[in-house]
Amino acid sequence: MSRKNKLRKFAEILSFPNVYECYNVQEPSLVGANMEPVEMKGVWHRDHFKNDHPITLELACGGGEYTVDLARRFPERNFIGIDIKGNRLWQGAKNALDGGLHNAAFLRTRIEVLSAFFAPGEVSEIWITFPDPFPRESKENRRLTSPMFLERFREVLVPGGLVHLKHDDPHFFRYSLRVIESDPRCTLLYENQDIYATPMLYPELGIQTLYEGKHLAAGKTIKYLRCTIS
């Protein structure tokens, strides 16, 4: 992507009413459209969505394919895509606006500081779609299914909230299973090592991200699990 195109997207996203951005994770705070400071923790239902529908987060959402498609399929729920890269969020946010999806929003921040922007129990579900697997053991804590991140999720999820993981990397998937199965406060509900091998139990698994399309074209199998976190 050219620098000119990136700058255009950065300028456009500042005016989007469905995007919130954090510019300093050391002192987390948010701005909304036109750089107006906002406080969203505990008031996403009231101040953004204007309803009391359950909130689902898509972490490391990239271009927001899952956020947008889930919002389209489930109008009775609210969805927030989260990523650190603003130029990625631009596409999802624009698609949601163009599609009139008022139940889809986007948040630019690091996932480590989720609790700065969501109150305990404010989130009902979390989707993790093709995050960086960080294969080196020295970077285990950066994996989104590490014990450290499970604790971050507990800070914002309702007790027994759902977590979904969709990935192509067998090592990362096995690692995630081990972490979940060793945590007494997690309950594994379902796992599938190749979601395309049989009819899908959950139709929303058919939503494909940009990365998933590339993985399938390369002959990789797509794995999925869902669990609850208490």
Protein backbone atom coordinates (compact mmCIF):
# COMPACT_ATOMS: atom_id res chain seq x y z
CA MET A 1 0.00 0.00 0.00
CA SER A 2 1.36 3.41 -0.98
CA ARG A 3 2.05 6.06 1.65
CA LYS A 4 -0.47 8.34 -0.06
CA ASN A 5 -3.18 5.69 0.19
CA LYS A 6 -2.41 5.08 3.87
CA LEU A 7 -2.62 8.78 4.64
CA ARG A 8 -5.97 8.97 2.85
CA LYS A 9 -7.34 6.13 4.95
CA PHE A 10 -6.03 7.65 8.18
CA ALA A 11 -7.74 10.93 7.28
CA GLU A 12 -11.04 9.22 6.39
CA ILE A 13 -11.17 7.02 9.46
CA LEU A 14 -11.01 10.06 11.72
CA SER A 15 -14.52 10.98 10.58
CA PHE A 16 -16.05 7.50 10.91
CA PRO A 17 -18.73 7.37 13.64
CA ASN A 18 -18.12 3.64 14.22
CA VAL A 19 -14.39 3.87 15.04
CA TYR A 20 -12.67 4.61 18.36
CA GLU A 21 -8.90 4.96 18.72
CA CYS A 22 -6.35 4.80 21.52
CA TYR A 23 -3.09 6.58 20.73
CA ASN A 24 -1.18 5.85 23.94
CA VAL A 25 -1.57 2.46 25.64
CA GLN A 26 0.63 3.65 28.51
CA GLU A 27 -2.14 6.08 29.44
CA PRO A 28 -5.18 4.51 27.75
CA SER A 29 -7.90 6.87 26.58
CA LEU A 30 -10.14 7.00 23.53
CA VAL A 31 -11.11 9.45 20.84
CA GLY A 32 -14.08 9.02 18.54
CA ALA A 33 -15.13 10.78 15.36
CA ASN A 34 -13.27 14.01 14.65
CA MET A 35 -10.83 13.25 17.48
CA GLU A 36 -13.39 13.98 20.19
CA PRO A 37 -12.37 12.43 23.56
CA VAL A 38 -14.83 9.76 24.69
CA GLU A 39 -15.22 7.43 27.66
CA MET A 40 -16.76 4.10 26.58
CA LYS A 41 -15.96 1.73 29.44
CA GLY A 42 -19.21 0.36 30.77
CA VAL A 43 -21.39 2.40 28.39
CA TRP A 44 -20.97 0.78 24.96
CA HIS A 45 -24.62 -0.30 25.01
CA ARG A 46 -25.94 3.11 25.98
CA ASP A 47 -23.62 5.50 24.18
CA HIS A 48 -22.73 3.69 20.96
CA PHE A 49 -25.13 0.86 20.14
CA LYS A 50 -28.22 2.42 21.76
CA ASN A 51 -29.48 -1.03 22.78
CA ASP A 52 -28.82 -3.73 25.36
CA HIS A 53 -27.87 -6.53 22.96
CA PRO A 54 -24.89 -8.78 23.85
CA ILE A 55 -21.45 -7.56 22.75
CA THR A 56 -18.98 -9.75 20.87
CA LEU A 57 -15.34 -8.76 20.27
CA GLU A 58 -13.21 -9.87 17.34
CA LEU A 59 -9.58 -9.61 18.43
CA ALA A 60 -6.80 -8.93 15.91
CA CYS A 61 -9.61 -8.39 13.43
CA GLY A 62 -7.48 -7.16 10.51
CA GLY A 63 -9.85 -5.96 7.81
CA GLY A 64 -12.84 -6.84 9.96
CA GLU A 65 -14.33 -9.51 7.71
CA TYR A 66 -15.64 -11.51 10.66
CA THR A 67 -16.93 -8.46 12.51
CA VAL A 68 -18.88 -7.23 9.49
CA ASP A 69 -20.28 -10.60 8.43
CA LEU A 70 -21.26 -11.57 11.98
CA ALA A 71 -23.03 -8.22 12.36
CA ARG A 72 -24.91 -8.90 9.13
CA ARG A 73 -25.93 -12.42 10.20
CA PHE A 74 -26.84 -11.59 13.79
CA PRO A 75 -28.65 -8.22 13.95
CA GLU A 76 -29.71 -9.05 17.51
CA ARG A 77 -26.10 -8.82 18.69
CA ASN A 78 -23.43 -6.10 18.74
CA PHE A 79 -19.89 -6.60 17.39
CA ILE A 80 -16.63 -4.70 17.92
CA GLY A 81 -13.52 -5.46 15.86
CA ILE A 82 -10.22 -4.67 17.58
CA ASP A 83 -6.82 -4.24 15.95
CA ILE A 84 -3.76 -2.06 16.45
CA LYS A 85 -3.47 -1.11 12.76
CA GLY A 86 -5.74 1.72 11.73
CA ASN A 87 -5.31 1.12 7.99
CA ARG A 88 -6.67 -2.40 8.50
CA LEU A 89 -9.69 -1.18 10.48
CA TRP A 90 -10.55 1.30 7.74
CA GLN A 91 -11.82 -1.43 5.43
CA GLY A 92 -14.07 -3.10 8.00
CA ALA A 93 -15.41 0.19 9.29
CA LYS A 94 -16.17 1.42 5.77
CA ASN A 95 -17.89 -1.84 4.83
CA ALA A 96 -20.04 -1.63 7.97
CA LEU A 97 -21.02 1.97 7.21
CA ASP A 98 -21.74 1.22 3.56
CA GLY A 99 -23.84 -1.77 4.62
CA GLY A 100 -25.83 0.17 7.19
CA LEU A 101 -24.64 -2.14 9.96
CA HIS A 102 -25.25 -0.12 13.09
CA ASN A 103 -24.36 -3.14 15.26
CA ALA A 104 -20.70 -3.13 14.14
CA ALA A 105 -17.99 -0.88 15.59
CA PHE A 106 -14.20 -0.86 15.62
CA LEU A 107 -11.58 -0.08 18.23
CA ARG A 108 -7.91 0.61 17.55
CA THR A 109 -5.83 -0.41 20.54
CA ARG A 110 -3.58 -3.12 21.89
CA ILE A 111 -5.46 -6.12 23.24
CA GLU A 112 -3.43 -6.10 26.46
CA VAL A 113 -5.41 -3.08 27.67
CA LEU A 114 -8.94 -4.38 27.02
CA SER A 115 -9.97 -3.70 30.59
CA ALA A 116 -9.27 0.02 30.09
CA PHE A 117 -12.17 0.18 27.64
CA PHE A 118 -14.61 -2.53 28.79
CA ALA A 119 -16.15 -3.01 32.22
CA PRO A 120 -16.31 -6.41 33.96
CA GLY A 121 -19.04 -8.49 32.33
CA GLU A 122 -19.61 -6.01 29.49
CA VAL A 123 -18.54 -8.55 26.83
CA SER A 124 -20.43 -11.79 26.10
CA GLU A 125 -18.21 -13.44 23.48
CA ILE A 126 -14.74 -13.17 21.95
CA TRP A 127 -13.64 -14.34 18.51
CA ILE A 128 -9.92 -14.85 17.78
CA THR A 129 -9.43 -15.27 14.04
CA PHE A 130 -5.99 -16.16 12.64
CA PRO A 131 -3.80 -14.17 15.04
CA ASP A 132 -0.01 -14.20 14.83
CA PRO A 133 0.98 -17.60 16.32
CA PHE A 134 4.32 -16.28 17.66
CA PRO A 135 6.03 -19.68 17.26
CA ARG A 136 9.14 -18.80 19.30
CA GLU A 137 8.80 -19.94 22.91
CA SER A 138 10.28 -16.67 24.09
CA LYS A 139 7.17 -14.90 22.78
CA GLU A 140 4.60 -17.27 24.29
CA ASN A 141 3.00 -14.47 26.31
CA ARG A 142 2.16 -12.66 23.09
CA ARG A 143 -0.04 -15.53 21.87
CA LEU A 144 -3.67 -14.54 22.26
CA THR A 145 -4.50 -17.86 23.91
CA SER A 146 -1.71 -17.69 26.49
CA PRO A 147 -2.65 -17.81 30.20
CA MET A 148 -1.87 -14.09 30.41
CA PHE A 149 -4.45 -13.24 27.76
CA LEU A 150 -7.05 -15.58 29.24
CA GLU A 151 -6.77 -13.48 32.39
CA ARG A 152 -7.27 -10.31 30.34
CA PHE A 153 -10.41 -11.86 28.84
CA ARG A 154 -11.74 -12.72 32.29
CA GLU A 155 -11.56 -9.05 33.21
CA VAL A 156 -14.21 -8.11 30.61
CA LEU A 157 -16.23 -11.27 29.87
CA VAL A 158 -19.45 -12.28 31.57
CA PRO A 159 -18.86 -15.38 33.74
CA GLY A 160 -19.04 -18.35 31.39
CA GLY A 161 -18.52 -16.14 28.34
CA LEU A 162 -17.68 -17.83 25.04
CA VAL A 163 -14.29 -17.70 23.34
CA HIS A 164 -13.90 -18.88 19.72
CA LEU A 165 -10.57 -19.63 18.04
CA LYS A 166 -10.14 -20.21 14.32
CA HIS A 167 -6.65 -20.92 12.96
CA ASP A 168 -4.56 -22.83 10.44
CA ASP A 169 -1.36 -23.42 12.43
CA PRO A 170 -1.37 -26.91 14.05
CA HIS A 171 1.27 -26.02 16.66
CA PHE A 172 -0.57 -22.90 17.78
CA PHE A 173 -3.85 -24.80 17.87
CA ARG A 174 -2.39 -27.61 19.99
CA TYR A 175 -0.85 -25.03 22.31
CA SER A 176 -4.24 -23.34 22.68
CA LEU A 177 -5.94 -26.63 23.49
CA ARG A 178 -3.31 -27.39 26.17
CA VAL A 179 -3.76 -24.01 27.80
CA ILE A 180 -7.53 -24.28 27.85
CA GLU A 181 -7.60 -27.86 29.09
CA SER A 182 -5.14 -27.07 31.89
CA ASP A 183 -7.16 -24.10 33.13
CA PRO A 184 -9.80 -25.29 35.65
CA ARG A 185 -11.91 -22.21 34.90
CA CYS A 186 -12.11 -23.00 31.18
CA THR A 187 -14.45 -25.57 29.64
CA LEU A 188 -13.77 -26.84 26.12
CA LEU A 189 -17.13 -27.18 24.36
CA TYR A 190 -16.13 -28.16 20.83
CA GLU A 191 -13.07 -28.62 18.63
CA ASN A 192 -12.64 -29.48 14.96
CA GLN A 193 -9.30 -30.07 13.28
CA ASP A 194 -10.68 -29.51 9.76
CA ILE A 195 -13.90 -27.51 9.60
CA TYR A 196 -14.28 -27.98 5.83
CA ALA A 197 -14.05 -31.78 5.93
CA THR A 198 -17.67 -32.22 7.05
CA PRO A 199 -20.84 -30.08 7.11
CA MET A 200 -20.29 -27.20 9.51
CA LEU A 201 -21.99 -27.46 12.87
CA TYR A 202 -21.92 -23.66 13.13
CA PRO A 203 -22.69 -21.83 9.84
CA GLU A 204 -20.75 -18.71 10.89
CA LEU A 205 -17.55 -20.75 10.56
CA GLY A 206 -17.99 -20.34 6.82
CA ILE A 207 -17.06 -16.66 7.06
CA GLN A 208 -13.61 -16.30 5.53
CA THR A 209 -10.98 -13.71 6.35
CA LEU A 210 -8.36 -12.59 3.85
CA TYR A 211 -5.79 -14.78 5.61
CA GLU A 212 -8.08 -17.79 5.64
CA GLY A 213 -8.51 -17.57 1.88
CA LYS A 214 -4.74 -17.59 1.47
CA HIS A 215 -4.35 -20.54 3.85
CA LEU A 216 -6.98 -22.57 2.00
CA ALA A 217 -5.36 -21.78 -1.35
CA ALA A 218 -2.09 -23.10 0.09
CA GLY A 219 -3.78 -26.39 1.03
CA LYS A 220 -3.88 -25.82 4.79
CA THR A 221 -6.68 -27.13 7.02
CA ILE A 222 -8.66 -24.72 9.16
CA LYS A 223 -9.16 -25.59 12.81
CA TYR A 224 -11.71 -24.29 15.30
CA LEU A 225 -12.51 -24.53 18.99
CA ARG A 226 -14.93 -22.90 21.35
CA CYS A 227 -14.74 -22.76 25.12
CA THR A 228 -16.22 -20.91 28.07
CA ILE A 229 -14.20 -18.86 30.52
CA SER A 230 -15.30 -18.34 34.12
